[in-house]
Protein backbone atom coordinates (compact mmCIF):
# COMPACT_ATOMS: atom_id res chain seq x y z
CA GLN A 1 -124.55 -64.82 74.24
CA VAL A 2 -122.43 -62.74 75.85
CA GLN A 3 -122.10 -59.63 74.52
CA LEU A 4 -120.29 -56.58 76.20
CA VAL A 5 -120.08 -53.04 74.51
CA GLU A 6 -117.97 -50.42 75.71
CA SER A 7 -119.39 -46.43 74.83
CA GLY A 8 -118.13 -42.87 75.79
CA GLY A 9 -115.36 -42.70 74.78
CA GLY A 10 -113.62 -39.79 72.49
CA LEU A 11 -111.56 -36.71 72.26
CA VAL A 12 -110.99 -34.71 75.40
CA GLN A 13 -108.06 -32.48 76.67
CA ALA A 14 -105.48 -32.81 79.40
CA GLY A 15 -107.53 -31.98 82.61
CA GLY A 16 -111.06 -33.06 80.98
CA SER A 17 -113.23 -35.76 81.88
CA LEU A 18 -114.78 -38.65 80.34
CA ARG A 19 -117.69 -41.37 81.34
CA LEU A 20 -117.01 -44.96 79.53
CA SER A 21 -119.93 -47.37 79.87
CA CYS A 22 -119.78 -51.26 79.24
CA ALA A 23 -123.18 -53.10 78.52
CA ALA A 24 -123.64 -56.93 79.25
CA SER A 25 -125.46 -59.39 77.92
CA GLY A 26 -126.25 -63.11 78.08
CA LEU A 27 -124.15 -63.60 81.20
CA THR A 28 -125.39 -63.21 84.49
CA PHE A 29 -124.41 -60.44 85.64
CA SER A 30 -124.18 -59.83 89.23
CA SER A 31 -122.42 -63.35 89.77
CA TYR A 32 -119.40 -61.42 87.45
CA SER A 33 -115.98 -59.99 88.70
CA MET A 34 -115.69 -56.82 85.95
CA GLY A 35 -112.85 -55.65 84.71
CA TRP A 36 -111.49 -52.32 82.62
CA PHE A 37 -107.86 -52.94 80.84
CA ARG A 38 -106.29 -50.23 77.75
CA GLN A 39 -104.29 -50.86 75.23
CA ALA A 40 -102.15 -48.46 73.77
CA PRO A 41 -100.01 -48.46 70.72
CA GLY A 42 -97.83 -50.60 70.62
CA LYS A 43 -98.16 -51.50 74.54
CA GLU A 44 -99.46 -54.53 75.91
CA ARG A 45 -103.09 -54.54 77.07
CA GLU A 46 -103.00 -52.84 80.86
CA PHE A 47 -104.90 -53.32 83.93
CA VAL A 48 -106.53 -50.09 84.32
CA ALA A 49 -109.80 -50.82 87.37
CA ALA A 50 -112.11 -53.81 88.40
CA PHE A 51 -114.60 -54.68 90.66
CA THR A 52 -115.34 -57.75 91.48
CA SER A 53 -118.65 -59.43 92.35
CA ARG A 54 -117.96 -59.61 96.53
CA GLY A 55 -118.11 -55.71 95.52
CA ASN A 56 -114.60 -54.65 95.91
CA THR A 57 -113.03 -52.45 93.55
CA TYR A 58 -108.95 -52.25 92.70
CA TYR A 59 -107.07 -50.00 90.85
CA THR A 60 -103.67 -49.37 88.60
CA ASP A 61 -101.79 -47.21 90.60
CA SER A 62 -100.91 -44.55 87.92
CA VAL A 63 -104.87 -44.23 87.46
CA LYS A 64 -106.06 -44.03 91.43
CA GLY A 65 -107.43 -40.65 93.09
CA ARG A 66 -108.63 -40.18 89.48
CA PHE A 67 -110.51 -42.56 87.75
CA THR A 68 -113.31 -44.26 89.77
CA ILE A 69 -114.70 -47.82 88.19
CA SER A 70 -118.87 -48.67 89.92
CA ARG A 71 -121.63 -51.03 88.72
CA ASP A 72 -124.76 -51.07 88.03
CA ASN A 73 -126.25 -55.35 88.61
CA ALA A 74 -129.96 -54.03 87.83
CA LYS A 75 -128.79 -52.77 84.41
CA ASN A 76 -126.02 -54.84 84.09
CA THR A 77 -123.61 -51.70 82.63
CA VAL A 78 -120.96 -51.01 84.77
CA TYR A 79 -118.47 -47.92 84.42
CA LEU A 80 -115.70 -46.31 84.44
CA GLN A 81 -115.14 -42.05 85.25
CA MET A 82 -111.78 -40.81 83.93
CA ASN A 83 -111.20 -37.85 85.86
CA VAL A 84 -107.52 -35.68 84.92
CA LEU A 85 -106.93 -37.47 81.54
CA THR A 86 -103.48 -37.39 81.07
CA PRO A 87 -102.43 -38.02 77.24
CA GLU A 88 -100.77 -41.46 78.70
CA ASP A 89 -104.06 -42.33 79.69
CA THR A 90 -104.97 -41.94 75.73
CA ALA A 91 -105.69 -45.88 75.13
CA VAL A 92 -108.72 -48.16 74.10
CA TYR A 93 -110.42 -49.07 77.15
CA TYR A 94 -111.88 -52.72 76.96
CA CYS A 95 -114.63 -54.03 79.61
CA ALA A 96 -113.71 -57.39 80.26
CA ALA A 97 -115.60 -59.94 82.45
CA ARG A 98 -114.49 -63.26 84.55
CA PRO A 99 -117.04 -65.56 85.87
CA ASN A 100 -115.16 -65.33 89.34
CA GLU A 101 -115.50 -63.98 92.55
CA TYR A 102 -111.43 -62.59 92.48
CA TYR A 103 -110.73 -60.46 89.62
CA SER A 104 -107.27 -60.47 88.14
CA ARG A 105 -104.59 -57.84 86.67
CA ARG A 106 -103.38 -60.18 83.66
CA TYR A 107 -105.96 -60.21 80.63
CA GLN A 108 -105.72 -63.80 79.98
CA GLY A 109 -108.15 -63.93 83.37
CA TYR A 110 -110.73 -62.64 82.04
CA ASP A 111 -112.84 -64.72 79.47
CA TYR A 112 -115.65 -62.15 77.85
CA TRP A 113 -114.10 -58.71 75.97
CA GLY A 114 -115.43 -56.18 74.20
CA GLN A 115 -114.70 -53.84 71.20
CA GLY A 116 -113.24 -51.47 72.95
CA THR A 117 -113.31 -47.62 72.86
CA GLN A 118 -111.48 -44.77 72.00
CA VAL A 119 -110.43 -42.71 74.55
CA THR A 120 -107.55 -39.58 73.31
CA VAL A 121 -106.03 -37.44 75.29
CA SER A 122 -104.58 -33.95 73.57
CA SER A 123 -102.12 -32.31 75.35
C-alpha cells in the first residue's frame, strides 16, 4: 500500500526557515513525479512545488527564490526547504505522488497524498 508521510512542520518566526520531508513507501519512487501543496483555513489547496521523474523542478510564483524542492530517490524522500518565511506561508503542507513524468498544478492530478504537516509563521 502506498504511503506518504510528511514531517518537519512547526512554528517559526517571519524570516525563518523550515525543511519539510516526505517519505514514500509502496511505490517505485523514481517513476513518480512528486509535488508539494498547501492549504490554509478557508482556502483551496494550492500548488507549491514539484519535482518530476524527469528531473525538472517547478514552483508557484509566490515561493520562487525562497523555497527549494529536492528529492533523494535512494531514500524515497522528497524535501521542501523553505526560507524567508512569511505569515502568508502558514498552511498545512501536503506531499503528493503522481505516476507521470510531468507535473500538475492541480491537486486532482495526484494519486497519493500524505497526511499533512502544519507550518505556522508568526509575524
